[in-house]
């Protein structure tokens, strides 16, 4: 947030981790019903998360 001035939710971070092939907890963000919809990360926030991953040496 300090660099990009954007807040991102843990859901978006988990989505990007899955996209990169990183480990995410087993029960992380499981839907409570069959037809539950999850918001998808916007490209701007995805780029900010990727920058943070690179900064911290995750990716």
PDB file of N, CA and C in Angstrom:
ATOM      1  N   UNK A   1       0.818  -1.182   0.000  1.00  0.00           N
ATOM      2  CA  UNK A   1       0.000   0.000   0.000  1.00  0.00           C
ATOM      3  C   UNK A   1       0.872   1.260   0.000  1.00  0.00           C
ATOM      4  N   UNK A   2       2.016   1.194   0.643  1.00  0.00           N
ATOM      5  CA  UNK A   2       2.876   2.366   0.705  1.00  0.00           C
ATOM      6  C   UNK A   2       3.355   2.801  -0.675  1.00  0.00           C
ATOM      7  N   UNK A   3       3.631   1.849  -1.552  1.00  0.00           N
ATOM      8  CA  UNK A   3       4.161   2.189  -2.868  1.00  0.00           C
ATOM      9  C   UNK A   3       3.068   2.494  -3.876  1.00  0.00           C
ATOM     10  N   UNK A   4       2.001   1.723  -3.871  1.00  0.00           N
ATOM     11  CA  UNK A   4       0.969   1.875  -4.898  1.00  0.00           C
ATOM     12  C   UNK A   4      -0.262   2.608  -4.399  1.00  0.00           C
ATOM     13  N   UNK A   5      -0.360   2.825  -3.093  1.00  0.00           N
ATOM     14  CA  UNK A   5      -1.513   3.484  -2.481  1.00  0.00           C
ATOM     15  C   UNK A   5      -2.826   2.778  -2.802  1.00  0.00           C
ATOM     16  N   UNK A   6      -2.767   1.446  -2.885  1.00  0.00           N
ATOM     17  CA  UNK A   6      -3.960   0.635  -3.123  1.00  0.00           C
ATOM     18  C   UNK A   6      -4.107  -0.367  -1.992  1.00  0.00           C
ATOM     19  N   UNK A   7      -5.345  -0.598  -1.604  1.00  0.00           N
ATOM     20  CA  UNK A   7      -5.623  -1.652  -0.640  1.00  0.00           C
ATOM     21  C   UNK A   7      -6.076  -2.872  -1.422  1.00  0.00           C
ATOM     22  N   UNK A   8      -5.556  -4.036  -1.053  1.00  0.00           N
ATOM     23  CA  UNK A   8      -5.975  -5.274  -1.700  1.00  0.00           C
ATOM     24  C   UNK A   8      -6.401  -6.253  -0.626  1.00  0.00           C
ATOM     25  N   UNK A   9      -7.407  -7.031  -0.926  1.00  0.00           N
ATOM     26  CA  UNK A   9      -7.915  -7.991   0.045  1.00  0.00           C
ATOM     27  C   UNK A   9      -7.100  -9.279  -0.009  1.00  0.00           C
ATOM     28  N   UNK A  10      -7.222 -10.059   1.037  1.00  0.00           N
ATOM     29  CA  UNK A  10      -6.518 -11.337   1.076  1.00  0.00           C
ATOM     30  C   UNK A  10      -7.057 -12.289   0.009  1.00  0.00           C
ATOM     31  N   UNK A  11      -8.311 -12.114  -0.396  1.00  0.00           N
ATOM     32  CA  UNK A  11      -8.881 -12.927  -1.472  1.00  0.00           C
ATOM     33  C   UNK A  11      -8.106 -12.697  -2.765  1.00  0.00           C
ATOM     34  N   UNK A  12      -7.839 -11.442  -3.089  1.00  0.00           N
ATOM     35  CA  UNK A  12      -7.091 -11.133  -4.308  1.00  0.00           C
ATOM     36  C   UNK A  12      -5.669 -11.671  -4.237  1.00  0.00           C
ATOM     37  N   UNK A  13      -5.050 -11.561  -3.076  1.00  0.00           N
ATOM     38  CA  UNK A  13      -3.694 -12.076  -2.909  1.00  0.00           C
ATOM     39  C   UNK A  13      -3.683 -13.586  -3.111  1.00  0.00           C
ATOM     40  N   UNK A  14      -4.676 -14.275  -2.570  1.00  0.00           N
ATOM     41  CA  UNK A  14      -4.774 -15.730  -2.739  1.00  0.00           C
ATOM     42  C   UNK A  14      -4.988 -16.093  -4.202  1.00  0.00           C
ATOM     43  N   UNK A  15      -5.800 -15.323  -4.919  1.00  0.00           N
ATOM     44  CA  UNK A  15      -6.036 -15.599  -6.334  1.00  0.00           C
ATOM     45  C   UNK A  15      -4.749 -15.477  -7.138  1.00  0.00           C
ATOM     46  N   UNK A  16      -3.950 -14.455  -6.836  1.00  0.00           N
ATOM     47  CA  UNK A  16      -2.698 -14.262  -7.560  1.00  0.00           C
ATOM     48  C   UNK A  16      -1.678 -15.331  -7.166  1.00  0.00           C
ATOM     49  N   UNK A  17      -1.672 -15.749  -5.907  1.00  0.00           N
ATOM     50  CA  UNK A  17      -0.783 -16.837  -5.485  1.00  0.00           C
ATOM     51  C   UNK A  17      -1.109 -18.109  -6.256  1.00  0.00           C
ATOM     52  N   UNK A  18      -2.404 -18.414  -6.385  1.00  0.00           N
ATOM     53  CA  UNK A  18      -2.800 -19.607  -7.148  1.00  0.00           C
ATOM     54  C   UNK A  18      -2.373 -19.479  -8.599  1.00  0.00           C
ATOM     55  N   UNK A  19      -2.524 -18.288  -9.165  1.00  0.00           N
ATOM     56  CA  UNK A  19      -2.152 -18.037 -10.550  1.00  0.00           C
ATOM     57  C   UNK A  19      -0.657 -18.257 -10.771  1.00  0.00           C
ATOM     58  N   UNK A  20       0.157 -17.916  -9.753  1.00  0.00           N
ATOM     59  CA  UNK A  20       1.611 -18.076  -9.830  1.00  0.00           C
ATOM     60  C   UNK A  20       2.069 -19.476  -9.439  1.00  0.00           C
ATOM     61  N   UNK A  21       1.143 -20.309  -8.952  1.00  0.00           N
ATOM     62  CA  UNK A  21       1.499 -21.660  -8.551  1.00  0.00           C
ATOM     63  C   UNK A  21       2.059 -21.745  -7.146  1.00  0.00           C
ATOM     64  N   UNK A  22       1.815 -20.732  -6.323  1.00  0.00           N
ATOM     65  CA  UNK A  22       2.285 -20.745  -4.941  1.00  0.00           C
ATOM     66  C   UNK A  22       1.272 -21.426  -4.043  1.00  0.00           C
ATOM     67  N   UNK A  23       1.743 -21.882  -2.890  1.00  0.00           N
ATOM     68  CA  UNK A  23       0.868 -22.578  -1.950  1.00  0.00           C
ATOM     69  C   UNK A  23      -0.121 -21.621  -1.303  1.00  0.00           C
ATOM     70  N   UNK A  24      -1.348 -22.078  -1.195  1.00  0.00           N
ATOM     71  CA  UNK A  24      -2.409 -21.359  -0.499  1.00  0.00           C
ATOM     72  C   UNK A  24      -3.039 -22.372   0.444  1.00  0.00           C
ATOM     73  N   UNK A  25      -3.471 -21.927   1.606  1.00  0.00           N
ATOM     74  CA  UNK A  25      -4.075 -22.837   2.574  1.00  0.00           C
ATOM     75  C   UNK A  25      -5.207 -23.658   1.977  1.00  0.00           C
ATOM     76  N   UNK A  26      -5.396 -24.867   2.485  1.00  0.00           N
ATOM     77  CA  UNK A  26      -6.410 -25.783   1.943  1.00  0.00           C
ATOM     78  C   UNK A  26      -7.814 -25.202   1.942  1.00  0.00           C
ATOM     79  N   UNK A  27      -8.228 -24.652   3.064  1.00  0.00           N
ATOM     80  CA  UNK A  27      -9.598 -24.162   3.184  1.00  0.00           C
ATOM     81  C   UNK A  27      -9.708 -22.668   2.961  1.00  0.00           C
ATOM     82  N   UNK A  28      -8.764 -22.088   2.283  1.00  0.00           N
ATOM     83  CA  UNK A  28      -8.766 -20.656   2.096  1.00  0.00           C
ATOM     84  C   UNK A  28      -9.820 -20.247   1.070  1.00  0.00           C
ATOM     85  N   UNK A  29     -10.731 -19.401   1.501  1.00  0.00           N
ATOM     86  CA  UNK A  29     -11.747 -18.804   0.634  1.00  0.00           C
ATOM     87  C   UNK A  29     -12.653 -19.818  -0.054  1.00  0.00           C
ATOM     88  N   UNK A  30     -13.036 -20.866   0.652  1.00  0.00           N
ATOM     89  CA  UNK A  30     -13.992 -21.812   0.090  1.00  0.00           C
ATOM     90  C   UNK A  30     -15.378 -21.176   0.082  1.00  0.00           C
ATOM     91  N   UNK A  31     -16.136 -21.366  -0.983  1.00  0.00           N
ATOM     92  CA  UNK A  31     -17.493 -20.799  -1.017  1.00  0.00           C
ATOM     93  C   UNK A  31     -18.397 -21.503  -0.020  1.00  0.00           C
ATOM     94  N   UNK A  32     -19.350 -20.762   0.522  1.00  0.00           N
ATOM     95  CA  UNK A  32     -20.274 -21.328   1.505  1.00  0.00           C
ATOM     96  C   UNK A  32     -21.469 -22.000   0.844  1.00  0.00           C
ATOM     97  N   UNK A  33     -21.724 -21.685  -0.407  1.00  0.00           N
ATOM     98  CA  UNK A  33     -22.793 -22.341  -1.147  1.00  0.00           C
ATOM     99  C   UNK A  33     -22.249 -22.750  -2.521  1.00  0.00           C
ATOM    100  N   UNK A  34     -23.006 -23.589  -3.200  1.00  0.00           N
ATOM    101  CA  UNK A  34     -22.549 -24.101  -4.493  1.00  0.00           C
ATOM    102  C   UNK A  34     -22.403 -23.014  -5.548  1.00  0.00           C
ATOM    103  N   UNK A  35     -23.331 -22.084  -5.593  1.00  0.00           N
ATOM    104  CA  UNK A  35     -23.343 -21.077  -6.651  1.00  0.00           C
ATOM    105  C   UNK A  35     -22.763 -19.739  -6.195  1.00  0.00           C
ATOM    106  N   UNK A  36     -21.884 -19.765  -5.222  1.00  0.00           N
ATOM    107  CA  UNK A  36     -21.302 -18.521  -4.710  1.00  0.00           C
ATOM    108  C   UNK A  36     -20.375 -17.909  -5.757  1.00  0.00           C
ATOM    109  N   UNK A  37     -20.434 -16.587  -5.861  1.00  0.00           N
ATOM    110  CA  UNK A  37     -19.570 -15.879  -6.807  1.00  0.00           C
ATOM    111  C   UNK A  37     -18.503 -15.131  -6.026  1.00  0.00           C
ATOM    112  N   UNK A  38     -17.281 -15.203  -6.502  1.00  0.00           N
ATOM    113  CA  UNK A  38     -16.193 -14.473  -5.880  1.00  0.00           C
ATOM    114  C   UNK A  38     -15.761 -13.359  -6.826  1.00  0.00           C
ATOM    115  N   UNK A  39     -15.528 -12.161  -6.308  1.00  0.00           N
ATOM    116  CA  UNK A  39     -15.029 -11.094  -7.173  1.00  0.00           C
ATOM    117  C   UNK A  39     -13.633 -11.439  -7.671  1.00  0.00           C
ATOM    118  N   UNK A  40     -13.337 -11.038  -8.887  1.00  0.00           N
ATOM    119  CA  UNK A  40     -12.027 -11.306  -9.465  1.00  0.00           C
ATOM    120  C   UNK A  40     -11.152 -10.065  -9.351  1.00  0.00           C
ATOM    121  N   UNK A  41      -9.880 -10.278  -9.207  1.00  0.00           N
ATOM    122  CA  UNK A  41      -8.901  -9.214  -9.035  1.00  0.00           C
ATOM    123  C   UNK A  41      -8.796  -8.398 -10.320  1.00  0.00           C
ATOM    124  N   UNK A  42      -8.770  -7.071 -10.173  1.00  0.00           N
ATOM    125  CA  UNK A  42      -8.633  -6.193 -11.332  1.00  0.00           C
ATOM    126  C   UNK A  42      -7.181  -6.219 -11.809  1.00  0.00           C
ATOM    127  N   UNK A  43      -6.940  -5.917 -13.076  1.00  0.00           N
ATOM    128  CA  UNK A  43      -5.555  -5.923 -13.581  1.00  0.00           C
ATOM    129  C   UNK A  43      -4.631  -4.963 -12.835  1.00  0.00           C
ATOM    130  N   UNK A  44      -5.161  -3.816 -12.405  1.00  0.00           N
ATOM    131  CA  UNK A  44      -4.336  -2.846 -11.673  1.00  0.00           C
ATOM    132  C   UNK A  44      -3.883  -3.417 -10.329  1.00  0.00           C
ATOM    133  N   UNK A  45      -4.803  -4.059  -9.632  1.00  0.00           N
ATOM    134  CA  UNK A  45      -4.458  -4.639  -8.335  1.00  0.00           C
ATOM    135  C   UNK A  45      -3.565  -5.857  -8.512  1.00  0.00           C
ATOM    136  N   UNK A  46      -3.787  -6.609  -9.580  1.00  0.00           N
ATOM    137  CA  UNK A  46      -2.933  -7.768  -9.857  1.00  0.00           C
ATOM    138  C   UNK A  46      -1.494  -7.314 -10.064  1.00  0.00           C
ATOM    139  N   UNK A  47      -1.305  -6.226 -10.802  1.00  0.00           N
ATOM    140  CA  UNK A  47       0.036  -5.699 -11.029  1.00  0.00           C
ATOM    141  C   UNK A  47       0.673  -5.239  -9.716  1.00  0.00           C
ATOM    142  N   UNK A  48      -0.110  -4.593  -8.853  1.00  0.00           N
ATOM    143  CA  UNK A  48       0.401  -4.137  -7.556  1.00  0.00           C
ATOM    144  C   UNK A  48       0.815  -5.321  -6.688  1.00  0.00           C
ATOM    145  N   UNK A  49       0.032  -6.385  -6.704  1.00  0.00           N
ATOM    146  CA  UNK A  49       0.354  -7.584  -5.919  1.00  0.00           C
ATOM    147  C   UNK A  49       1.619  -8.237  -6.461  1.00  0.00           C
ATOM    148  N   UNK A  50       1.743  -8.315  -7.777  1.00  0.00           N
ATOM    149  CA  UNK A  50       2.944  -8.905  -8.376  1.00  0.00           C
ATOM    150  C   UNK A  50       4.185  -8.085  -8.024  1.00  0.00           C
ATOM    151  N   UNK A  51       4.059  -6.759  -8.016  1.00  0.00           N
ATOM    152  CA  UNK A  51       5.184  -5.909  -7.626  1.00  0.00           C
ATOM    153  C   UNK A  51       5.582  -6.186  -6.181  1.00  0.00           C
ATOM    154  N   UNK A  52       4.585  -6.353  -5.315  1.00  0.00           N
ATOM    155  CA  UNK A  52       4.864  -6.647  -3.906  1.00  0.00           C
ATOM    156  C   UNK A  52       5.540  -8.014  -3.773  1.00  0.00           C
ATOM    157  N   UNK A  53       5.065  -9.010  -4.517  1.00  0.00           N
ATOM    158  CA  UNK A  53       5.691 -10.336  -4.482  1.00  0.00           C
ATOM    159  C   UNK A  53       7.154 -10.238  -4.891  1.00  0.00           C
ATOM    160  N   UNK A  54       7.435  -9.484  -5.964  1.00  0.00           N
ATOM    161  CA  UNK A  54       8.809  -9.342  -6.429  1.00  0.00           C
ATOM    162  C   UNK A  54       9.654  -8.592  -5.397  1.00  0.00           C
ATOM    163  N   UNK A  55       9.080  -7.578  -4.783  1.00  0.00           N
ATOM    164  CA  UNK A  55       9.801  -6.792  -3.777  1.00  0.00           C
ATOM    165  C   UNK A  55      10.218  -7.654  -2.587  1.00  0.00           C
ATOM    166  N   UNK A  56       9.318  -8.543  -2.151  1.00  0.00           N
ATOM    167  CA  UNK A  56       9.604  -9.388  -1.006  1.00  0.00           C
ATOM    168  C   UNK A  56      10.259 -10.724  -1.382  1.00  0.00           C
ATOM    169  N   UNK A  57      10.565 -10.914  -2.671  1.00  0.00           N
ATOM    170  CA  UNK A  57      11.272 -12.111  -3.108  1.00  0.00           C
ATOM    171  C   UNK A  57      10.415 -13.365  -3.126  1.00  0.00           C
ATOM    172  N   UNK A  58       9.115 -13.201  -3.243  1.00  0.00           N
ATOM    173  CA  UNK A  58       8.207 -14.354  -3.280  1.00  0.00           C
ATOM    174  C   UNK A  58       8.202 -14.968  -4.680  1.00  0.00           C
ATOM    175  N   UNK A  59       8.284 -14.114  -5.685  1.00  0.00           N
ATOM    176  CA  UNK A  59       8.269 -14.577  -7.074  1.00  0.00           C
ATOM    177  C   UNK A  59       9.602 -14.264  -7.716  1.00  0.00           C
TER     178      UNK A  59
END
